[in-house]
N, C-alpha and C. Protein backbone atom coordinates (compact mmCIF):
# COMPACT_ATOMS: atom_id res chain seq x y z
N MET A 1 96.17 73.40 117.15
CA MET A 1 96.95 72.63 116.18
C MET A 1 97.50 73.56 115.11
N LYS A 2 98.80 73.50 114.85
CA LYS A 2 99.45 74.39 113.90
C LYS A 2 99.45 73.83 112.47
N PHE A 3 99.26 72.52 112.31
CA PHE A 3 99.40 71.90 111.00
C PHE A 3 98.15 71.11 110.65
N LYS A 4 97.94 70.90 109.34
CA LYS A 4 96.83 70.07 108.88
C LYS A 4 97.35 68.66 108.62
N ARG A 5 96.51 67.68 108.86
CA ARG A 5 96.92 66.28 108.72
C ARG A 5 97.07 65.94 107.24
N ALA A 6 98.13 65.23 106.94
CA ALA A 6 98.41 64.84 105.56
C ALA A 6 97.57 63.63 105.17
N PRO A 7 97.20 63.52 103.89
CA PRO A 7 96.47 62.34 103.44
C PRO A 7 97.37 61.11 103.50
N ILE A 8 96.74 59.93 103.46
CA ILE A 8 97.50 58.68 103.54
C ILE A 8 98.46 58.56 102.36
N VAL A 9 97.98 58.89 101.16
CA VAL A 9 98.81 58.84 99.98
C VAL A 9 99.25 60.26 99.65
N GLN A 10 100.54 60.51 99.69
CA GLN A 10 101.03 61.86 99.48
C GLN A 10 102.37 61.79 98.74
N PRO A 11 102.34 61.88 97.39
CA PRO A 11 103.59 61.76 96.63
C PRO A 11 104.56 62.89 96.89
N ARG A 12 104.08 64.05 97.35
CA ARG A 12 104.95 65.20 97.61
C ARG A 12 105.11 65.39 99.11
N LEU A 13 105.20 64.29 99.83
CA LEU A 13 105.13 64.35 101.28
C LEU A 13 106.22 65.23 101.89
N ALA A 14 107.47 65.01 101.50
CA ALA A 14 108.56 65.78 102.10
C ALA A 14 108.41 67.27 101.83
N LEU A 15 108.03 67.61 100.60
CA LEU A 15 107.84 69.02 100.25
C LEU A 15 106.65 69.61 101.00
N ASP A 16 105.57 68.84 101.13
CA ASP A 16 104.39 69.32 101.84
C ASP A 16 104.72 69.63 103.30
N VAL A 17 105.48 68.76 103.92
CA VAL A 17 105.86 68.98 105.32
C VAL A 17 106.74 70.22 105.44
N TYR A 18 107.70 70.35 104.53
CA TYR A 18 108.58 71.53 104.52
C TYR A 18 107.76 72.81 104.40
N GLU A 19 106.83 72.84 103.45
CA GLU A 19 106.04 74.04 103.23
C GLU A 19 105.15 74.35 104.43
N GLN A 20 104.58 73.33 105.05
CA GLN A 20 103.74 73.57 106.22
C GLN A 20 104.53 74.17 107.37
N ILE A 21 105.71 73.63 107.61
CA ILE A 21 106.53 74.14 108.71
C ILE A 21 106.98 75.58 108.40
N LEU A 22 107.42 75.82 107.17
CA LEU A 22 107.88 77.15 106.80
C LEU A 22 106.78 78.17 106.96
N TYR A 23 105.59 77.88 106.48
CA TYR A 23 104.50 78.85 106.57
C TYR A 23 103.99 79.02 107.99
N ALA A 24 104.13 77.99 108.80
CA ALA A 24 103.79 78.16 110.22
C ALA A 24 104.75 79.14 110.87
N ILE A 25 106.02 79.06 110.48
CA ILE A 25 107.01 80.01 110.99
C ILE A 25 106.72 81.41 110.48
N VAL A 26 106.49 81.52 109.18
CA VAL A 26 106.25 82.81 108.55
C VAL A 26 105.03 83.50 109.13
N ASN A 27 103.99 82.74 109.41
CA ASN A 27 102.75 83.32 109.88
C ASN A 27 102.69 83.48 111.39
N GLY A 28 103.84 83.31 112.06
CA GLY A 28 103.92 83.61 113.47
C GLY A 28 103.29 82.59 114.39
N GLN A 29 103.13 81.35 113.93
CA GLN A 29 102.54 80.32 114.77
C GLN A 29 103.54 79.77 115.78
N PHE A 30 104.79 80.13 115.61
CA PHE A 30 105.81 79.79 116.59
C PHE A 30 106.40 81.08 117.15
N GLU A 31 106.52 81.14 118.46
CA GLU A 31 107.12 82.30 119.10
C GLU A 31 108.63 82.24 118.97
N PRO A 32 109.31 83.40 118.95
CA PRO A 32 110.77 83.40 118.91
C PRO A 32 111.34 82.56 120.05
N GLY A 33 112.22 81.64 119.72
CA GLY A 33 112.83 80.78 120.72
C GLY A 33 112.04 79.51 121.00
N GLU A 34 110.80 79.44 120.54
CA GLU A 34 110.00 78.24 120.77
C GLU A 34 110.60 77.06 120.00
N ARG A 35 110.66 75.92 120.65
CA ARG A 35 111.27 74.74 120.03
C ARG A 35 110.27 74.06 119.08
N LEU A 36 110.77 73.60 117.95
CA LEU A 36 110.00 72.80 117.01
C LEU A 36 110.47 71.37 117.18
N ILE A 37 109.64 70.53 117.71
CA ILE A 37 110.02 69.15 118.03
C ILE A 37 109.42 68.22 116.98
N GLN A 38 110.27 67.42 116.36
CA GLN A 38 109.83 66.63 115.22
C GLN A 38 108.74 65.63 115.56
N GLU A 39 108.79 65.04 116.75
CA GLU A 39 107.75 64.06 117.11
C GLU A 39 106.38 64.71 117.18
N GLN A 40 106.32 65.91 117.73
CA GLN A 40 105.04 66.61 117.83
C GLN A 40 104.51 67.02 116.46
N ILE A 41 105.40 67.52 115.62
CA ILE A 41 105.00 67.92 114.28
C ILE A 41 104.53 66.72 113.48
N ALA A 42 105.26 65.61 113.57
CA ALA A 42 104.88 64.39 112.84
C ALA A 42 103.50 63.91 113.27
N GLU A 43 103.21 64.01 114.56
CA GLU A 43 101.91 63.57 115.06
C GLU A 43 100.79 64.46 114.54
N GLU A 44 101.02 65.78 114.52
CA GLU A 44 99.99 66.71 114.04
C GLU A 44 99.71 66.51 112.56
N ILE A 45 100.77 66.33 111.76
CA ILE A 45 100.59 66.20 110.32
C ILE A 45 100.18 64.79 109.94
N ASN A 46 100.41 63.82 110.85
CA ASN A 46 100.08 62.42 110.61
C ASN A 46 101.04 61.78 109.60
N VAL A 47 102.32 61.99 109.84
CA VAL A 47 103.36 61.40 109.01
C VAL A 47 104.42 60.81 109.93
N SER A 48 105.34 60.07 109.33
CA SER A 48 106.47 59.56 110.11
C SER A 48 107.43 60.69 110.42
N ARG A 49 108.40 60.42 111.27
CA ARG A 49 109.36 61.45 111.64
C ARG A 49 110.36 61.76 110.51
N THR A 50 110.50 60.83 109.56
CA THR A 50 111.52 61.00 108.52
C THR A 50 111.31 62.25 107.67
N PRO A 51 110.12 62.48 107.06
CA PRO A 51 109.96 63.70 106.27
C PRO A 51 110.02 64.97 107.11
N VAL A 52 109.62 64.87 108.38
CA VAL A 52 109.70 66.03 109.26
C VAL A 52 111.15 66.36 109.54
N ARG A 53 111.94 65.33 109.81
CA ARG A 53 113.37 65.54 110.05
C ARG A 53 114.04 66.16 108.82
N GLU A 54 113.68 65.65 107.63
CA GLU A 54 114.25 66.19 106.39
C GLU A 54 113.88 67.66 106.23
N ALA A 55 112.64 67.99 106.53
CA ALA A 55 112.19 69.38 106.39
C ALA A 55 112.91 70.29 107.37
N LEU A 56 113.05 69.84 108.61
CA LEU A 56 113.72 70.65 109.62
C LEU A 56 115.20 70.85 109.28
N LEU A 57 115.84 69.81 108.77
CA LEU A 57 117.24 69.93 108.38
C LEU A 57 117.40 70.87 107.19
N ARG A 58 116.45 70.82 106.26
CA ARG A 58 116.50 71.73 105.12
C ARG A 58 116.37 73.18 105.59
N LEU A 59 115.46 73.42 106.50
CA LEU A 59 115.28 74.78 107.02
C LEU A 59 116.50 75.23 107.83
N GLU A 60 117.18 74.27 108.45
CA GLU A 60 118.43 74.62 109.13
C GLU A 60 119.49 75.02 108.11
N GLN A 61 119.59 74.26 107.01
CA GLN A 61 120.56 74.57 105.96
C GLN A 61 120.27 75.93 105.33
N GLU A 62 119.00 76.30 105.26
CA GLU A 62 118.61 77.57 104.66
C GLU A 62 118.75 78.74 105.64
N GLY A 63 119.13 78.43 106.86
CA GLY A 63 119.37 79.49 107.83
C GLY A 63 118.16 79.93 108.60
N VAL A 64 117.05 79.21 108.47
CA VAL A 64 115.83 79.59 109.18
C VAL A 64 115.83 79.05 110.61
N LEU A 65 116.35 77.84 110.81
CA LEU A 65 116.33 77.18 112.10
C LEU A 65 117.74 76.90 112.60
N VAL A 66 117.85 76.68 113.90
CA VAL A 66 119.08 76.16 114.50
C VAL A 66 118.67 74.99 115.39
N GLN A 67 119.58 74.02 115.52
CA GLN A 67 119.29 72.88 116.38
C GLN A 67 119.44 73.28 117.84
N THR A 68 118.50 72.82 118.65
CA THR A 68 118.54 73.06 120.10
C THR A 68 118.36 71.71 120.79
N GLY A 69 119.45 71.08 121.08
CA GLY A 69 119.37 69.75 121.68
C GLY A 69 119.31 68.67 120.60
N ARG A 70 119.11 67.47 121.02
CA ARG A 70 119.18 66.33 120.10
C ARG A 70 118.00 66.28 119.14
N LYS A 71 116.82 66.66 119.58
CA LYS A 71 115.63 66.44 118.77
C LYS A 71 114.84 67.71 118.48
N GLY A 72 115.38 68.84 118.83
CA GLY A 72 114.62 70.06 118.66
C GLY A 72 115.32 71.10 117.80
N PHE A 73 114.52 72.01 117.28
CA PHE A 73 115.02 73.13 116.50
C PHE A 73 114.28 74.38 116.98
N SER A 74 114.90 75.52 116.78
CA SER A 74 114.23 76.78 117.08
C SER A 74 114.55 77.78 115.98
N ILE A 75 113.75 78.84 115.90
CA ILE A 75 113.93 79.85 114.86
C ILE A 75 115.21 80.63 115.14
N ARG A 76 116.04 80.77 114.13
CA ARG A 76 117.31 81.47 114.28
C ARG A 76 117.11 82.97 114.07
N ASN A 77 117.76 83.74 114.89
CA ASN A 77 117.76 85.19 114.70
C ASN A 77 118.73 85.54 113.58
N ILE A 78 118.27 86.33 112.62
CA ILE A 78 119.11 86.74 111.50
C ILE A 78 119.65 88.13 111.80
N SER A 79 120.95 88.28 111.64
CA SER A 79 121.58 89.56 111.95
C SER A 79 121.32 90.58 110.86
N ASP A 80 121.46 91.84 111.22
CA ASP A 80 121.34 92.90 110.22
C ASP A 80 122.35 92.72 109.10
N LYS A 81 123.53 92.22 109.43
CA LYS A 81 124.57 92.00 108.43
C LYS A 81 124.11 91.00 107.38
N GLU A 82 123.46 89.92 107.82
CA GLU A 82 122.97 88.90 106.89
C GLU A 82 121.85 89.46 106.01
N VAL A 83 120.98 90.26 106.61
CA VAL A 83 119.90 90.86 105.84
C VAL A 83 120.47 91.77 104.74
N ARG A 84 121.46 92.59 105.12
CA ARG A 84 122.09 93.47 104.13
C ARG A 84 122.77 92.67 103.01
N SER A 85 123.37 91.55 103.37
CA SER A 85 124.05 90.72 102.37
C SER A 85 123.06 90.17 101.36
N LEU A 86 121.92 89.71 101.83
CA LEU A 86 120.90 89.16 100.94
C LEU A 86 120.37 90.24 99.99
N TYR A 87 120.06 91.40 100.55
CA TYR A 87 119.54 92.47 99.71
C TYR A 87 120.62 93.05 98.80
N GLY A 88 121.86 93.03 99.24
CA GLY A 88 122.95 93.48 98.39
C GLY A 88 123.10 92.60 97.16
N ALA A 89 122.94 91.29 97.35
CA ALA A 89 122.99 90.36 96.22
C ALA A 89 121.83 90.63 95.27
N ARG A 90 120.68 90.94 95.83
CA ARG A 90 119.53 91.28 94.98
C ARG A 90 119.80 92.54 94.17
N GLU A 91 120.40 93.53 94.79
CA GLU A 91 120.72 94.76 94.05
C GLU A 91 121.58 94.47 92.84
N ALA A 92 122.60 93.63 93.05
CA ALA A 92 123.53 93.32 91.96
C ALA A 92 122.83 92.58 90.83
N ILE A 93 122.03 91.58 91.17
CA ILE A 93 121.38 90.74 90.15
C ILE A 93 120.24 91.49 89.47
N GLU A 94 119.34 92.04 90.26
CA GLU A 94 118.14 92.65 89.69
C GLU A 94 118.43 94.04 89.12
N GLY A 95 119.39 94.74 89.69
CA GLY A 95 119.79 96.02 89.12
C GLY A 95 120.38 95.85 87.73
N TYR A 96 121.23 94.85 87.58
CA TYR A 96 121.82 94.57 86.27
C TYR A 96 120.74 94.15 85.28
N ALA A 97 119.79 93.33 85.74
CA ALA A 97 118.71 92.88 84.85
C ALA A 97 117.88 94.07 84.37
N ALA A 98 117.57 95.00 85.26
CA ALA A 98 116.80 96.18 84.87
C ALA A 98 117.57 97.01 83.85
N TYR A 99 118.87 97.14 84.04
CA TYR A 99 119.72 97.88 83.10
C TYR A 99 119.65 97.24 81.71
N ARG A 100 119.80 95.91 81.66
CA ARG A 100 119.80 95.23 80.37
C ARG A 100 118.44 95.28 79.69
N MET A 101 117.36 95.21 80.49
CA MET A 101 116.02 95.30 79.92
C MET A 101 115.79 96.67 79.30
N ALA A 102 116.21 97.73 79.97
CA ALA A 102 116.05 99.08 79.44
C ALA A 102 116.95 99.29 78.23
N GLU A 103 118.07 98.62 78.20
CA GLU A 103 118.99 98.72 77.07
C GLU A 103 118.41 98.01 75.85
N ASP A 104 117.82 96.87 76.07
CA ASP A 104 117.23 96.07 74.99
C ASP A 104 115.90 96.66 74.53
N ARG A 105 115.02 96.91 75.52
CA ARG A 105 113.69 97.49 75.31
C ARG A 105 112.91 96.77 74.22
N SER A 106 112.89 95.44 74.30
CA SER A 106 112.11 94.63 73.36
C SER A 106 110.63 94.77 73.69
N PRO A 107 109.79 95.17 72.73
CA PRO A 107 108.35 95.30 73.00
C PRO A 107 107.73 93.99 73.49
N GLU A 108 108.18 92.89 72.93
CA GLU A 108 107.62 91.60 73.33
C GLU A 108 107.95 91.28 74.79
N LYS A 109 109.18 91.52 75.18
CA LYS A 109 109.59 91.24 76.55
C LYS A 109 108.92 92.19 77.54
N LEU A 110 108.85 93.45 77.17
CA LEU A 110 108.20 94.42 78.04
C LEU A 110 106.71 94.10 78.22
N ALA A 111 106.09 93.59 77.16
CA ALA A 111 104.66 93.25 77.25
C ALA A 111 104.42 92.13 78.25
N ILE A 112 105.34 91.19 78.33
CA ILE A 112 105.20 90.09 79.29
C ILE A 112 105.26 90.62 80.72
N ILE A 113 106.20 91.51 80.97
CA ILE A 113 106.33 92.08 82.30
C ILE A 113 105.11 92.93 82.65
N LYS A 114 104.67 93.76 81.68
CA LYS A 114 103.53 94.64 81.93
C LYS A 114 102.27 93.85 82.24
N ALA A 115 102.09 92.72 81.57
CA ALA A 115 100.90 91.90 81.82
C ALA A 115 100.85 91.43 83.27
N ASN A 116 102.01 91.07 83.81
CA ASN A 116 102.05 90.62 85.20
C ASN A 116 101.89 91.77 86.18
N VAL A 117 102.44 92.92 85.85
CA VAL A 117 102.26 94.10 86.69
C VAL A 117 100.79 94.50 86.72
N ASP A 118 100.13 94.48 85.55
CA ASP A 118 98.71 94.82 85.48
C ASP A 118 97.87 93.82 86.26
N ALA A 119 98.24 92.54 86.19
CA ALA A 119 97.49 91.51 86.90
C ALA A 119 97.58 91.72 88.41
N GLU A 120 98.73 92.16 88.89
CA GLU A 120 98.89 92.43 90.31
C GLU A 120 97.98 93.58 90.75
N LEU A 121 97.81 94.56 89.87
CA LEU A 121 96.98 95.72 90.20
C LEU A 121 95.53 95.35 90.45
N VAL A 122 95.04 94.35 89.73
CA VAL A 122 93.62 93.98 89.84
C VAL A 122 93.40 92.76 90.72
N SER A 123 94.45 92.30 91.38
CA SER A 123 94.34 91.06 92.15
C SER A 123 93.59 91.23 93.46
N GLY A 124 93.48 92.47 93.95
CA GLY A 124 92.78 92.71 95.21
C GLY A 124 93.59 92.27 96.40
N GLU A 125 92.92 92.09 97.53
CA GLU A 125 93.60 91.71 98.76
C GLU A 125 94.20 90.33 98.62
N GLN A 126 95.45 90.17 99.08
CA GLN A 126 96.16 88.91 98.93
C GLN A 126 96.64 88.39 100.28
N THR A 127 96.78 87.07 100.35
CA THR A 127 97.40 86.46 101.52
C THR A 127 98.90 86.70 101.45
N LEU A 128 99.59 86.42 102.55
CA LEU A 128 101.04 86.56 102.58
C LEU A 128 101.69 85.75 101.47
N GLU A 129 101.25 84.50 101.33
CA GLU A 129 101.83 83.63 100.31
C GLU A 129 101.58 84.18 98.90
N GLU A 130 100.37 84.63 98.64
CA GLU A 130 100.04 85.17 97.32
C GLU A 130 100.83 86.43 97.02
N GLU A 131 101.00 87.27 98.02
CA GLU A 131 101.75 88.51 97.86
C GLU A 131 103.21 88.21 97.57
N PHE A 132 103.76 87.27 98.30
CA PHE A 132 105.15 86.88 98.08
C PHE A 132 105.35 86.35 96.67
N ILE A 133 104.46 85.46 96.22
CA ILE A 133 104.59 84.86 94.91
C ILE A 133 104.45 85.90 93.81
N ALA A 134 103.47 86.81 93.94
CA ALA A 134 103.27 87.84 92.93
C ALA A 134 104.49 88.75 92.82
N ASN A 135 105.03 89.14 93.95
CA ASN A 135 106.22 90.00 93.97
C ASN A 135 107.41 89.27 93.35
N LYS A 136 107.61 88.04 93.76
CA LYS A 136 108.71 87.25 93.23
C LYS A 136 108.59 87.07 91.72
N ASP A 137 107.37 86.76 91.26
CA ASP A 137 107.16 86.50 89.83
C ASP A 137 107.51 87.71 88.97
N ILE A 138 107.15 88.90 89.43
CA ILE A 138 107.46 90.10 88.65
C ILE A 138 108.96 90.33 88.58
N HIS A 139 109.63 90.18 89.71
CA HIS A 139 111.08 90.37 89.72
C HIS A 139 111.77 89.28 88.89
N ARG A 140 111.26 88.06 88.97
CA ARG A 140 111.87 86.98 88.21
C ARG A 140 111.69 87.18 86.71
N LEU A 141 110.54 87.69 86.31
CA LEU A 141 110.30 87.95 84.90
C LEU A 141 111.30 88.96 84.33
N ILE A 142 111.58 89.97 85.12
CA ILE A 142 112.55 90.98 84.67
C ILE A 142 113.90 90.33 84.43
N VAL A 143 114.32 89.48 85.37
CA VAL A 143 115.60 88.79 85.22
C VAL A 143 115.54 87.79 84.08
N GLU A 144 114.44 87.06 83.99
CA GLU A 144 114.31 86.03 82.97
C GLU A 144 114.37 86.59 81.56
N GLN A 145 113.76 87.75 81.34
CA GLN A 145 113.71 88.33 80.00
C GLN A 145 115.07 88.79 79.50
N VAL A 146 116.04 88.91 80.40
CA VAL A 146 117.40 89.27 79.98
C VAL A 146 118.01 88.16 79.13
N GLY A 147 117.59 86.91 79.39
CA GLY A 147 118.08 85.79 78.60
C GLY A 147 119.45 85.29 79.02
N ASN A 148 119.78 85.50 80.30
CA ASN A 148 121.07 85.06 80.84
C ASN A 148 120.80 83.97 81.87
N PRO A 149 120.99 82.69 81.52
CA PRO A 149 120.68 81.60 82.44
C PRO A 149 121.44 81.68 83.76
N ALA A 150 122.69 82.11 83.72
CA ALA A 150 123.47 82.21 84.95
C ALA A 150 122.87 83.24 85.90
N LEU A 151 122.42 84.36 85.33
CA LEU A 151 121.79 85.40 86.14
C LEU A 151 120.51 84.89 86.78
N LEU A 152 119.73 84.14 86.00
CA LEU A 152 118.47 83.60 86.51
C LEU A 152 118.74 82.57 87.61
N ASP A 153 119.77 81.76 87.44
CA ASP A 153 120.12 80.78 88.48
C ASP A 153 120.47 81.48 89.78
N MET A 154 121.20 82.59 89.70
CA MET A 154 121.55 83.32 90.92
C MET A 154 120.31 83.91 91.59
N PHE A 155 119.39 84.41 90.76
CA PHE A 155 118.13 84.94 91.29
C PHE A 155 117.38 83.83 92.04
N ASP A 156 117.24 82.68 91.38
CA ASP A 156 116.50 81.57 91.99
C ASP A 156 117.17 81.07 93.26
N ASN A 157 118.48 81.11 93.29
CA ASN A 157 119.20 80.64 94.47
C ASN A 157 118.85 81.48 95.70
N ILE A 158 118.61 82.76 95.48
CA ILE A 158 118.23 83.65 96.60
C ILE A 158 116.76 83.48 96.95
N TRP A 159 115.91 83.57 95.95
CA TRP A 159 114.47 83.64 96.20
C TRP A 159 113.82 82.29 96.52
N ASN A 160 114.41 81.18 96.12
CA ASN A 160 113.78 79.89 96.33
C ASN A 160 114.13 79.27 97.67
N ARG A 161 114.94 79.94 98.45
CA ARG A 161 115.28 79.43 99.77
C ARG A 161 114.24 79.88 100.79
N GLY A 162 114.00 79.01 101.76
CA GLY A 162 113.02 79.35 102.78
C GLY A 162 113.35 80.63 103.51
N ILE A 163 114.64 80.92 103.65
CA ILE A 163 115.03 82.12 104.39
C ILE A 163 114.52 83.38 103.72
N SER A 164 114.42 83.36 102.37
CA SER A 164 113.95 84.56 101.68
C SER A 164 112.48 84.83 101.99
N LEU A 165 111.69 83.77 102.07
CA LEU A 165 110.27 83.95 102.40
C LEU A 165 110.12 84.44 103.83
N TRP A 166 110.92 83.91 104.72
CA TRP A 166 110.86 84.36 106.11
C TRP A 166 111.24 85.83 106.21
N LEU A 167 112.29 86.21 105.52
CA LEU A 167 112.70 87.61 105.53
C LEU A 167 111.62 88.51 104.95
N PHE A 168 111.02 88.07 103.85
CA PHE A 168 109.97 88.85 103.24
C PHE A 168 108.79 89.00 104.20
N ALA A 169 108.44 87.91 104.85
CA ALA A 169 107.31 87.95 105.78
C ALA A 169 107.60 88.87 106.96
N ALA A 170 108.86 88.96 107.34
CA ALA A 170 109.22 89.79 108.49
C ALA A 170 108.97 91.27 108.22
N THR A 171 108.84 91.65 106.95
CA THR A 171 108.58 93.04 106.61
C THR A 171 107.09 93.32 106.48
N ARG A 172 106.28 92.27 106.58
CA ARG A 172 104.85 92.46 106.35
C ARG A 172 104.16 93.01 107.57
N GLY A 173 103.52 94.12 107.40
CA GLY A 173 102.70 94.70 108.46
C GLY A 173 101.58 95.46 107.80
N ASP A 174 100.60 95.88 108.54
CA ASP A 174 99.46 96.57 107.95
C ASP A 174 99.88 97.81 107.18
N GLU A 175 100.95 98.48 107.65
CA GLU A 175 101.38 99.70 107.00
C GLU A 175 102.59 99.49 106.10
N ALA A 176 103.17 98.27 106.11
CA ALA A 176 104.41 98.05 105.38
C ALA A 176 104.22 97.17 104.16
N SER A 177 102.99 96.80 103.88
CA SER A 177 102.75 95.88 102.78
C SER A 177 103.14 96.49 101.44
N VAL A 178 103.68 95.62 100.57
CA VAL A 178 104.07 96.08 99.24
C VAL A 178 102.84 96.55 98.48
N GLN A 179 102.91 97.71 97.88
CA GLN A 179 101.81 98.24 97.09
C GLN A 179 102.07 97.96 95.61
N PRO A 180 101.06 97.46 94.87
CA PRO A 180 101.26 97.14 93.46
C PRO A 180 101.77 98.32 92.64
N GLU A 181 101.44 99.53 93.06
CA GLU A 181 101.85 100.71 92.30
C GLU A 181 103.37 100.84 92.18
N VAL A 182 104.10 100.30 93.14
CA VAL A 182 105.55 100.43 93.07
C VAL A 182 106.11 99.65 91.89
N HIS A 183 105.44 98.56 91.52
CA HIS A 183 105.89 97.80 90.36
C HIS A 183 105.50 98.51 89.06
N VAL A 184 104.42 99.28 89.09
CA VAL A 184 104.07 100.09 87.92
C VAL A 184 105.16 101.14 87.70
N ASP A 185 105.57 101.79 88.76
CA ASP A 185 106.63 102.80 88.65
C ASP A 185 107.92 102.17 88.14
N LEU A 186 108.24 101.00 88.66
CA LEU A 186 109.46 100.31 88.24
C LEU A 186 109.39 99.95 86.76
N TYR A 187 108.25 99.41 86.35
CA TYR A 187 108.09 99.04 84.95
C TYR A 187 108.22 100.26 84.04
N ASN A 188 107.60 101.35 84.42
CA ASN A 188 107.63 102.55 83.58
C ASN A 188 109.05 103.07 83.35
N VAL A 189 109.87 102.99 84.39
CA VAL A 189 111.25 103.44 84.23
C VAL A 189 112.01 102.49 83.31
N ILE A 190 111.78 101.20 83.47
CA ILE A 190 112.44 100.23 82.58
C ILE A 190 112.00 100.42 81.14
N ALA A 191 110.71 100.71 80.95
CA ALA A 191 110.16 100.80 79.60
C ALA A 191 110.48 102.12 78.90
N THR A 192 110.70 103.19 79.66
CA THR A 192 110.87 104.50 79.03
C THR A 192 112.15 105.23 79.42
N GLY A 193 112.80 104.78 80.48
CA GLY A 193 113.99 105.49 80.95
C GLY A 193 115.26 104.96 80.31
N THR A 194 116.37 105.57 80.67
CA THR A 194 117.66 105.10 80.21
C THR A 194 118.06 103.86 81.01
N PRO A 195 119.01 103.08 80.51
CA PRO A 195 119.48 101.93 81.29
C PRO A 195 119.98 102.32 82.68
N GLU A 196 120.66 103.46 82.76
CA GLU A 196 121.15 103.92 84.05
C GLU A 196 120.00 104.25 85.00
N GLU A 197 118.94 104.86 84.46
CA GLU A 197 117.78 105.18 85.29
C GLU A 197 117.08 103.91 85.76
N ALA A 198 116.98 102.91 84.88
CA ALA A 198 116.35 101.65 85.26
C ALA A 198 117.15 100.94 86.35
N HIS A 199 118.45 100.97 86.20
CA HIS A 199 119.33 100.36 87.21
C HIS A 199 119.15 101.05 88.56
N THR A 200 119.14 102.37 88.54
CA THR A 200 118.97 103.13 89.77
C THR A 200 117.61 102.89 90.41
N GLU A 201 116.57 102.83 89.60
CA GLU A 201 115.22 102.62 90.12
C GLU A 201 115.07 101.24 90.74
N MET A 202 115.66 100.22 90.13
CA MET A 202 115.58 98.88 90.70
C MET A 202 116.30 98.83 92.04
N ILE A 203 117.47 99.43 92.11
CA ILE A 203 118.20 99.44 93.38
C ILE A 203 117.40 100.19 94.45
N ARG A 204 116.79 101.30 94.08
CA ARG A 204 115.96 102.05 95.02
C ARG A 204 114.80 101.18 95.50
N HIS A 205 114.21 100.43 94.58
CA HIS A 205 113.09 99.55 94.89
C HIS A 205 113.51 98.45 95.87
N VAL A 206 114.66 97.83 95.62
CA VAL A 206 115.15 96.77 96.51
C VAL A 206 115.50 97.35 97.88
N ARG A 207 116.12 98.51 97.89
CA ARG A 207 116.51 99.12 99.17
C ARG A 207 115.29 99.54 99.99
N ALA A 208 114.19 99.82 99.32
CA ALA A 208 112.97 100.14 100.06
C ALA A 208 112.52 98.92 100.87
N GLY A 209 112.69 97.73 100.29
CA GLY A 209 112.39 96.51 101.02
C GLY A 209 113.33 96.31 102.19
N LEU A 210 114.60 96.60 101.96
CA LEU A 210 115.57 96.49 103.05
C LEU A 210 115.25 97.43 104.19
N SER A 211 114.80 98.62 103.87
CA SER A 211 114.51 99.61 104.92
C SER A 211 113.37 99.15 105.82
N LEU A 212 112.49 98.29 105.32
CA LEU A 212 111.42 97.76 106.16
C LEU A 212 111.97 96.84 107.24
N HIS A 213 113.08 96.17 106.92
CA HIS A 213 113.75 95.33 107.91
C HIS A 213 114.52 96.15 108.92
N LEU A 214 115.30 97.08 108.37
CA LEU A 214 116.23 97.83 109.20
C LEU A 214 115.68 99.23 109.42
N SER A 215 114.60 99.30 110.17
CA SER A 215 113.87 100.56 110.33
C SER A 215 114.69 101.63 111.04
N ASP A 216 115.74 101.20 111.74
CA ASP A 216 116.57 102.18 112.45
C ASP A 216 117.65 102.76 111.59
N ASP A 217 117.81 102.21 110.33
CA ASP A 217 118.86 102.71 109.44
C ASP A 217 118.50 104.06 108.86
């Protein structure tokens, strides 16, 4: 069984189903090309087909799934071009945020970021989900401290989609896992370097993630 049964009363039912399906995909519980059939998923989770259908359609909209026949979906293969596009958008958003943070260099803002970087250092071994959230939170804090709502909206638009978690998970391996020390290095450049150096370091950091996807590049 790939899913846990939902309780009878579940106010977050649609979201719960979406998250269960996404994490089943991320954690490799479905083989490439394997069909996800809504009736089977609904039976395992113990819900009606409606929230399952909504979750599958959302994952299709996010680019994680494609429809295969009337009632089935399968995991979509993402091209190298799409991966580069996603990471390119991250370079633009997060690189600019790092530049502005180094330009501003507010002690209060830097302290908020450093606290999260330090917390990651002492967090110990993490699950895929915990690692993803910790990484996302640090990057989001950097963008958030710039104080530009439009910039933060663009960040959230990329990172809050299921496709971003799937892409992140695709880079996870025993030897490819993100090391907390890389965020220490990133923070130090933002805190002590020039804006140009912070911008360059953030782009280097993002491209390191891209290289895990495109190992032949």
